Amino acid sequence: MAFVATPNAFLSDFGGTCQIGSGSTFKGILDAGAEVVGGGMAVSREYLLIAKTSDVSSATRGTALTVDSVSYTVRENMPVDDATFSELLLSKV
């Protein structure tokens, strides 16, 4: 029996409310990992949003996006594996 992925089920459990500009809302998972840089003198935070590719296909560099009412700008939009999901690198505004 083949495994059938259900992206909406995955995102509904863990995702926050996202919106590109004034468009429709969708679910996405925001990861805000931190990395110590400069020999321990600074911390760098990288914002990564995982969402269905069909929801974020219009997001290109410079696109305004909100996640749970917090504003971000898209730096890069990268499809993952079979392109069911995409990862968006974001900058916090």
Protein backbone atom coordinates (compact mmCIF):
# COMPACT_ATOMS: atom_id res chain seq x y z
CA MET A 1 0.00 0.00 0.00
CA ALA A 2 1.42 3.35 -1.03
CA PHE A 3 1.75 6.17 1.46
CA VAL A 4 -0.35 9.16 0.46
CA ALA A 5 0.86 12.46 1.89
CA THR A 6 -1.74 14.96 3.05
CA PRO A 7 -0.02 18.36 3.22
CA ASN A 8 -3.07 20.13 4.68
CA ALA A 9 -3.21 17.71 7.62
CA PHE A 10 0.49 18.24 8.35
CA LEU A 11 0.19 22.04 8.22
CA SER A 12 -3.08 22.26 10.17
CA ASP A 13 -1.44 20.64 13.21
CA PHE A 14 1.73 22.73 13.27
CA GLY A 15 1.26 25.71 10.95
CA GLY A 16 0.65 29.37 11.64
CA THR A 17 -1.52 31.71 9.59
CA CYS A 18 0.38 33.23 6.66
CA GLN A 19 -0.51 35.76 3.98
CA ILE A 20 1.31 37.07 0.91
CA GLY A 21 0.49 40.77 0.53
CA SER A 22 -3.28 41.14 0.74
CA GLY A 23 -3.96 37.71 -0.80
CA SER A 24 -5.62 34.66 0.70
CA THR A 25 -4.36 33.19 3.96
CA PHE A 26 -2.67 29.79 4.14
CA LYS A 27 -0.87 27.66 6.71
CA GLY A 28 2.91 27.50 7.04
CA ILE A 29 5.48 26.40 9.61
CA LEU A 30 8.03 29.03 10.64
CA ASP A 31 11.43 27.89 11.90
CA ALA A 32 13.64 30.56 13.44
CA GLY A 33 16.90 28.74 14.10
CA ALA A 34 19.77 30.60 15.73
CA GLU A 35 23.48 30.16 15.10
CA VAL A 36 26.36 31.54 17.14
CA VAL A 37 28.82 33.34 14.86
CA GLY A 38 31.94 35.48 15.16
CA GLY A 39 33.65 33.25 17.68
CA GLY A 40 30.69 33.45 20.04
CA MET A 41 30.37 37.22 19.80
CA ALA A 42 27.02 37.31 17.96
CA VAL A 43 23.91 35.28 17.22
CA SER A 44 22.46 35.07 13.73
CA ARG A 45 18.82 34.06 13.24
CA GLU A 46 17.56 32.55 9.98
CA TYR A 47 13.82 32.53 9.31
CA LEU A 48 12.57 29.61 7.21
CA LEU A 49 8.92 29.08 6.27
CA ILE A 50 7.67 25.69 5.06
CA ALA A 51 4.41 25.86 3.10
CA LYS A 52 2.63 24.14 0.24
CA THR A 53 4.22 25.14 -3.06
CA SER A 54 0.79 25.90 -4.51
CA ASP A 55 0.28 28.52 -1.76
CA VAL A 56 3.64 30.27 -2.21
CA SER A 57 4.40 29.91 -5.92
CA SER A 58 3.96 33.68 -6.42
CA ALA A 59 6.48 34.57 -3.68
CA THR A 60 9.73 35.87 -5.14
CA ARG A 61 12.63 37.89 -3.74
CA GLY A 62 11.28 41.04 -2.07
CA THR A 63 7.69 39.79 -1.70
CA ALA A 64 5.98 40.97 1.53
CA LEU A 65 4.63 38.15 3.69
CA THR A 66 3.14 37.87 7.19
CA VAL A 67 3.27 34.89 9.54
CA ASP A 68 0.97 35.15 12.56
CA SER A 69 0.76 38.94 11.95
CA VAL A 70 4.57 39.41 11.94
CA SER A 71 6.00 40.98 8.75
CA TYR A 72 8.75 39.34 6.69
CA THR A 73 10.29 39.76 3.24
CA VAL A 74 11.06 36.77 1.02
CA ARG A 75 14.76 36.26 0.25
CA GLU A 76 14.45 33.00 -1.65
CA ASN A 77 11.75 30.46 -2.58
CA MET A 78 12.99 26.87 -2.96
CA PRO A 79 10.86 23.81 -3.79
CA VAL A 80 11.58 20.75 -1.65
CA ASP A 81 11.98 17.26 -3.19
CA ASP A 82 8.79 16.57 -5.21
CA ALA A 83 7.70 20.23 -4.82
CA THR A 84 4.68 19.45 -2.64
CA PHE A 85 6.28 21.86 -0.16
CA SER A 86 8.56 24.85 -0.57
CA GLU A 87 10.97 26.51 1.84
CA LEU A 88 11.06 30.29 1.89
CA LEU A 89 14.07 32.05 3.36
CA LEU A 90 12.76 35.20 5.04
CA SER A 91 14.06 38.43 6.52
CA LYS A 92 12.14 39.91 9.43
CA VAL A 93 10.95 43.45 8.72
